[in-house]
Amino acid sequence: MVYVLQIDMEECGICEDCIDVCIEEAIKKKGYKIVIDNAQCDSCGECVDVCPVGAIYED
């Protein structure tokens, strides 16, 4: 299954747990935002599972 992931920045607390768990380094912090490079993402879903507020979701 291939995920196209989005981040709801209104919900995101910028805890960086998703960055820490991403082995592909597809998630980065840019200023006060978390950004997912879906071209680099391997669709494992680990970031969705680790997000404590559910801000990352499949689109």
PDB file of N, CA and C in Angstrom:
ATOM      1  N   MET A   1       0.851  -1.184   0.000  1.00  0.00           N
ATOM      2  CA  MET A   1       0.000   0.000   0.000  1.00  0.00           C
ATOM      3  C   MET A   1       0.894   1.244   0.000  1.00  0.00           C
ATOM      4  N   VAL A   2       0.553   2.217  -0.810  1.00  0.00           N
ATOM      5  CA  VAL A   2       1.307   3.454  -0.885  1.00  0.00           C
ATOM      6  C   VAL A   2       0.511   4.558  -0.216  1.00  0.00           C
ATOM      7  N   TYR A   3       1.140   5.208   0.733  1.00  0.00           N
ATOM      8  CA  TYR A   3       0.521   6.321   1.433  1.00  0.00           C
ATOM      9  C   TYR A   3       0.991   7.637   0.817  1.00  0.00           C
ATOM     10  N   VAL A   4       0.082   8.588   0.671  1.00  0.00           N
ATOM     11  CA  VAL A   4       0.444   9.973   0.416  1.00  0.00           C
ATOM     12  C   VAL A   4       0.081  10.685   1.703  1.00  0.00           C
ATOM     13  N   LEU A   5       1.096  11.103   2.419  1.00  0.00           N
ATOM     14  CA  LEU A   5       0.890  11.614   3.766  1.00  0.00           C
ATOM     15  C   LEU A   5       0.821  13.133   3.803  1.00  0.00           C
ATOM     16  N   GLN A   6       0.004  13.621   4.698  1.00  0.00           N
ATOM     17  CA  GLN A   6      -0.159  15.057   4.938  1.00  0.00           C
ATOM     18  C   GLN A   6      -0.017  15.301   6.428  1.00  0.00           C
ATOM     19  N   ILE A   7       0.288  16.543   6.781  1.00  0.00           N
ATOM     20  CA  ILE A   7       0.364  16.926   8.186  1.00  0.00           C
ATOM     21  C   ILE A   7      -0.594  18.073   8.428  1.00  0.00           C
ATOM     22  N   ASP A   8      -1.443  17.914   9.427  1.00  0.00           N
ATOM     23  CA  ASP A   8      -2.331  18.986   9.865  1.00  0.00           C
ATOM     24  C   ASP A   8      -1.535  19.850  10.839  1.00  0.00           C
ATOM     25  N   MET A   9      -0.990  20.956  10.337  1.00  0.00           N
ATOM     26  CA  MET A   9      -0.121  21.792  11.155  1.00  0.00           C
ATOM     27  C   MET A   9      -0.871  22.499  12.283  1.00  0.00           C
ATOM     28  N   GLU A  10      -2.190  22.576  12.194  1.00  0.00           N
ATOM     29  CA  GLU A  10      -2.958  23.141  13.304  1.00  0.00           C
ATOM     30  C   GLU A  10      -2.972  22.188  14.495  1.00  0.00           C
ATOM     31  N   GLU A  11      -2.841  20.892  14.227  1.00  0.00           N
ATOM     32  CA  GLU A  11      -2.812  19.881  15.290  1.00  0.00           C
ATOM     33  C   GLU A  11      -1.390  19.554  15.736  1.00  0.00           C
ATOM     34  N   CYS A  12      -0.435  19.691  14.834  1.00  0.00           N
ATOM     35  CA  CYS A  12       0.951  19.296  15.084  1.00  0.00           C
ATOM     36  C   CYS A  12       1.576  20.154  16.181  1.00  0.00           C
ATOM     37  N   GLY A  13       2.193  19.491  17.147  1.00  0.00           N
ATOM     38  CA  GLY A  13       2.890  20.191  18.219  1.00  0.00           C
ATOM     39  C   GLY A  13       4.389  20.307  17.963  1.00  0.00           C
ATOM     40  N   ILE A  14       4.821  19.896  16.773  1.00  0.00           N
ATOM     41  CA  ILE A  14       6.224  19.927  16.356  1.00  0.00           C
ATOM     42  C   ILE A  14       7.119  19.220  17.392  1.00  0.00           C
ATOM     43  N   CYS A  15       6.686  18.052  17.828  1.00  0.00           N
ATOM     44  CA  CYS A  15       7.451  17.267  18.800  1.00  0.00           C
ATOM     45  C   CYS A  15       8.657  16.579  18.144  1.00  0.00           C
ATOM     46  N   GLU A  16       8.604  16.419  16.836  1.00  0.00           N
ATOM     47  CA  GLU A  16       9.657  15.814  16.020  1.00  0.00           C
ATOM     48  C   GLU A  16       9.754  14.298  16.164  1.00  0.00           C
ATOM     49  N   ASP A  17       8.770  13.650  16.781  1.00  0.00           N
ATOM     50  CA  ASP A  17       8.771  12.186  16.871  1.00  0.00           C
ATOM     51  C   ASP A  17       8.754  11.567  15.472  1.00  0.00           C
ATOM     52  N   CYS A  18       8.005  12.173  14.560  1.00  0.00           N
ATOM     53  CA  CYS A  18       7.916  11.650  13.185  1.00  0.00           C
ATOM     54  C   CYS A  18       9.266  11.740  12.469  1.00  0.00           C
ATOM     55  N   ILE A  19       9.998  12.801  12.729  1.00  0.00           N
ATOM     56  CA  ILE A  19      11.330  12.963  12.133  1.00  0.00           C
ATOM     57  C   ILE A  19      12.258  11.872  12.656  1.00  0.00           C
ATOM     58  N   ASP A  20      12.200  11.634  13.966  1.00  0.00           N
ATOM     59  CA  ASP A  20      13.068  10.639  14.598  1.00  0.00           C
ATOM     60  C   ASP A  20      12.806   9.220  14.093  1.00  0.00           C
ATOM     61  N   VAL A  21      11.559   8.889  13.784  1.00  0.00           N
ATOM     62  CA  VAL A  21      11.202   7.528  13.389  1.00  0.00           C
ATOM     63  C   VAL A  21      11.380   7.279  11.888  1.00  0.00           C
ATOM     64  N   CYS A  22      11.510   8.310  11.091  1.00  0.00           N
ATOM     65  CA  CYS A  22      11.576   8.152   9.627  1.00  0.00           C
ATOM     66  C   CYS A  22      12.968   7.717   9.181  1.00  0.00           C
ATOM     67  N   ILE A  23      13.100   6.442   8.800  1.00  0.00           N
ATOM     68  CA  ILE A  23      14.401   5.928   8.372  1.00  0.00           C
ATOM     69  C   ILE A  23      14.797   6.426   6.984  1.00  0.00           C
ATOM     70  N   GLU A  24      13.842   6.879   6.206  1.00  0.00           N
ATOM     71  CA  GLU A  24      14.118   7.413   4.863  1.00  0.00           C
ATOM     72  C   GLU A  24      14.497   8.897   4.889  1.00  0.00           C
ATOM     73  N   GLU A  25      14.412   9.516   6.069  1.00  0.00           N
ATOM     74  CA  GLU A  25      14.681  10.948   6.228  1.00  0.00           C
ATOM     75  C   GLU A  25      13.814  11.788   5.293  1.00  0.00           C
ATOM     76  N   ALA A  26      12.553  11.360   5.142  1.00  0.00           N
ATOM     77  CA  ALA A  26      11.591  12.049   4.272  1.00  0.00           C
ATOM     78  C   ALA A  26      10.838  13.155   5.000  1.00  0.00           C
ATOM     79  N   ILE A  27      11.017  13.246   6.301  1.00  0.00           N
ATOM     80  CA  ILE A  27      10.319  14.252   7.104  1.00  0.00           C
ATOM     81  C   ILE A  27      11.343  15.211   7.690  1.00  0.00           C
ATOM     82  N   LYS A  28      11.101  16.478   7.469  1.00  0.00           N
ATOM     83  CA  LYS A  28      12.044  17.500   7.930  1.00  0.00           C
ATOM     84  C   LYS A  28      11.298  18.649   8.598  1.00  0.00           C
ATOM     85  N   LYS A  29      12.005  19.341   9.470  1.00  0.00           N
ATOM     86  CA  LYS A  29      11.475  20.551  10.083  1.00  0.00           C
ATOM     87  C   LYS A  29      12.005  21.737   9.287  1.00  0.00           C
ATOM     88  N   LYS A  30      11.090  22.580   8.844  1.00  0.00           N
ATOM     89  CA  LYS A  30      11.456  23.788   8.112  1.00  0.00           C
ATOM     90  C   LYS A  30      10.793  24.963   8.804  1.00  0.00           C
ATOM     91  N   GLY A  31      11.585  25.721   9.544  1.00  0.00           N
ATOM     92  CA  GLY A  31      11.021  26.818  10.323  1.00  0.00           C
ATOM     93  C   GLY A  31      10.110  26.261  11.397  1.00  0.00           C
ATOM     94  N   TYR A  32       8.865  26.695  11.373  1.00  0.00           N
ATOM     95  CA  TYR A  32       7.870  26.213  12.339  1.00  0.00           C
ATOM     96  C   TYR A  32       6.893  25.246  11.691  1.00  0.00           C
ATOM     97  N   LYS A  33       7.372  24.465  10.709  1.00  0.00           N
ATOM     98  CA  LYS A  33       6.545  23.481  10.016  1.00  0.00           C
ATOM     99  C   LYS A  33       7.288  22.162   9.921  1.00  0.00           C
ATOM    100  N   ILE A  34       6.519  21.100   9.846  1.00  0.00           N
ATOM    101  CA  ILE A  34       7.051  19.781   9.531  1.00  0.00           C
ATOM    102  C   ILE A  34       6.608  19.483   8.101  1.00  0.00           C
ATOM    103  N   VAL A  35       7.547  19.031   7.275  1.00  0.00           N
ATOM    104  CA  VAL A  35       7.272  18.805   5.859  1.00  0.00           C
ATOM    105  C   VAL A  35       7.627  17.364   5.505  1.00  0.00           C
ATOM    106  N   ILE A  36       6.733  16.706   4.761  1.00  0.00           N
ATOM    107  CA  ILE A  36       6.977  15.341   4.297  1.00  0.00           C
ATOM    108  C   ILE A  36       7.274  15.379   2.807  1.00  0.00           C
ATOM    109  N   ASP A  37       8.406  14.790   2.414  1.00  0.00           N
ATOM    110  CA  ASP A  37       8.742  14.624   1.004  1.00  0.00           C
ATOM    111  C   ASP A  37       8.192  13.266   0.573  1.00  0.00           C
ATOM    112  N   ASN A  38       6.997  13.266  -0.009  1.00  0.00           N
ATOM    113  CA  ASN A  38       6.345  12.003  -0.365  1.00  0.00           C
ATOM    114  C   ASN A  38       7.100  11.238  -1.445  1.00  0.00           C
ATOM    115  N   ALA A  39       7.938  11.915  -2.224  1.00  0.00           N
ATOM    116  CA  ALA A  39       8.754  11.224  -3.229  1.00  0.00           C
ATOM    117  C   ALA A  39       9.840  10.385  -2.554  1.00  0.00           C
ATOM    118  N   GLN A  40      10.291  10.808  -1.391  1.00  0.00           N
ATOM    119  CA  GLN A  40      11.328  10.097  -0.642  1.00  0.00           C
ATOM    120  C   GLN A  40      10.732   9.092   0.343  1.00  0.00           C
ATOM    121  N   CYS A  41       9.472   9.262   0.702  1.00  0.00           N
ATOM    122  CA  CYS A  41       8.778   8.416   1.668  1.00  0.00           C
ATOM    123  C   CYS A  41       8.601   6.999   1.126  1.00  0.00           C
ATOM    124  N   ASP A  42       8.822   5.987   1.977  1.00  0.00           N
ATOM    125  CA  ASP A  42       8.627   4.596   1.545  1.00  0.00           C
ATOM    126  C   ASP A  42       7.269   4.033   1.968  1.00  0.00           C
ATOM    127  N   SER A  43       6.387   4.894   2.475  1.00  0.00           N
ATOM    128  CA  SER A  43       5.006   4.526   2.821  1.00  0.00           C
ATOM    129  C   SER A  43       4.899   3.493   3.934  1.00  0.00           C
ATOM    130  N   CYS A  44       5.840   3.517   4.875  1.00  0.00           N
ATOM    131  CA  CYS A  44       5.803   2.519   5.946  1.00  0.00           C
ATOM    132  C   CYS A  44       4.712   2.815   6.974  1.00  0.00           C
ATOM    133  N   GLY A  45       4.340   4.091   7.134  1.00  0.00           N
ATOM    134  CA  GLY A  45       3.300   4.463   8.079  1.00  0.00           C
ATOM    135  C   GLY A  45       3.769   4.624   9.508  1.00  0.00           C
ATOM    136  N   GLU A  46       5.067   4.485   9.762  1.00  0.00           N
ATOM    137  CA  GLU A  46       5.594   4.616  11.128  1.00  0.00           C
ATOM    138  C   GLU A  46       5.316   6.005  11.701  1.00  0.00           C
ATOM    139  N   CYS A  47       5.394   7.036  10.889  1.00  0.00           N
ATOM    140  CA  CYS A  47       5.156   8.401  11.374  1.00  0.00           C
ATOM    141  C   CYS A  47       3.705   8.582  11.805  1.00  0.00           C
ATOM    142  N   VAL A  48       2.794   7.943  11.099  1.00  0.00           N
ATOM    143  CA  VAL A  48       1.374   8.005  11.469  1.00  0.00           C
ATOM    144  C   VAL A  48       1.183   7.356  12.840  1.00  0.00           C
ATOM    145  N   ASP A  49       1.822   6.217  13.033  1.00  0.00           N
ATOM    146  CA  ASP A  49       1.692   5.472  14.286  1.00  0.00           C
ATOM    147  C   ASP A  49       2.308   6.202  15.478  1.00  0.00           C
ATOM    148  N   VAL A  50       3.409   6.911  15.247  1.00  0.00           N
ATOM    149  CA  VAL A  50       4.133   7.538  16.356  1.00  0.00           C
ATOM    150  C   VAL A  50       3.602   8.917  16.727  1.00  0.00           C
ATOM    151  N   CYS A  51       2.830   9.549  15.871  1.00  0.00           N
ATOM    152  CA  CYS A  51       2.342  10.912  16.137  1.00  0.00           C
ATOM    153  C   CYS A  51       1.379  10.906  17.331  1.00  0.00           C
ATOM    154  N   PRO A  52       1.744  11.611  18.419  1.00  0.00           N
ATOM    155  CA  PRO A  52       0.925  11.557  19.620  1.00  0.00           C
ATOM    156  C   PRO A  52      -0.409  12.297  19.509  1.00  0.00           C
ATOM    157  N   VAL A  53      -0.563  13.165  18.513  1.00  0.00           N
ATOM    158  CA  VAL A  53      -1.814  13.923  18.377  1.00  0.00           C
ATOM    159  C   VAL A  53      -2.579  13.585  17.096  1.00  0.00           C
ATOM    160  N   GLY A  54      -2.081  12.627  16.316  1.00  0.00           N
ATOM    161  CA  GLY A  54      -2.766  12.222  15.096  1.00  0.00           C
ATOM    162  C   GLY A  54      -2.740  13.267  13.989  1.00  0.00           C
ATOM    163  N   ALA A  55      -1.680  14.076  13.962  1.00  0.00           N
ATOM    164  CA  ALA A  55      -1.605  15.152  12.972  1.00  0.00           C
ATOM    165  C   ALA A  55      -1.186  14.681  11.587  1.00  0.00           C
ATOM    166  N   ILE A  56      -0.596  13.494  11.499  1.00  0.00           N
ATOM    167  CA  ILE A  56      -0.191  12.954  10.208  1.00  0.00           C
ATOM    168  C   ILE A  56      -1.264  11.983   9.747  1.00  0.00           C
ATOM    169  N   TYR A  57      -1.682  12.150   8.507  1.00  0.00           N
ATOM    170  CA  TYR A  57      -2.764  11.308   7.994  1.00  0.00           C
ATOM    171  C   TYR A  57      -2.559  10.998   6.524  1.00  0.00           C
ATOM    172  N   GLU A  58      -3.209   9.922   6.096  1.00  0.00           N
ATOM    173  CA  GLU A  58      -3.166   9.485   4.703  1.00  0.00           C
ATOM    174  C   GLU A  58      -4.167  10.304   3.898  1.00  0.00           C
ATOM    175  N   ASP A  59      -3.706  10.824   2.782  1.00  0.00           N
ATOM    176  CA  ASP A  59      -4.589  11.633   1.921  1.00  0.00           C
ATOM    177  C   ASP A  59      -4.916  10.839   0.673  1.00  0.00           C
TER     178      ASP A  59
END
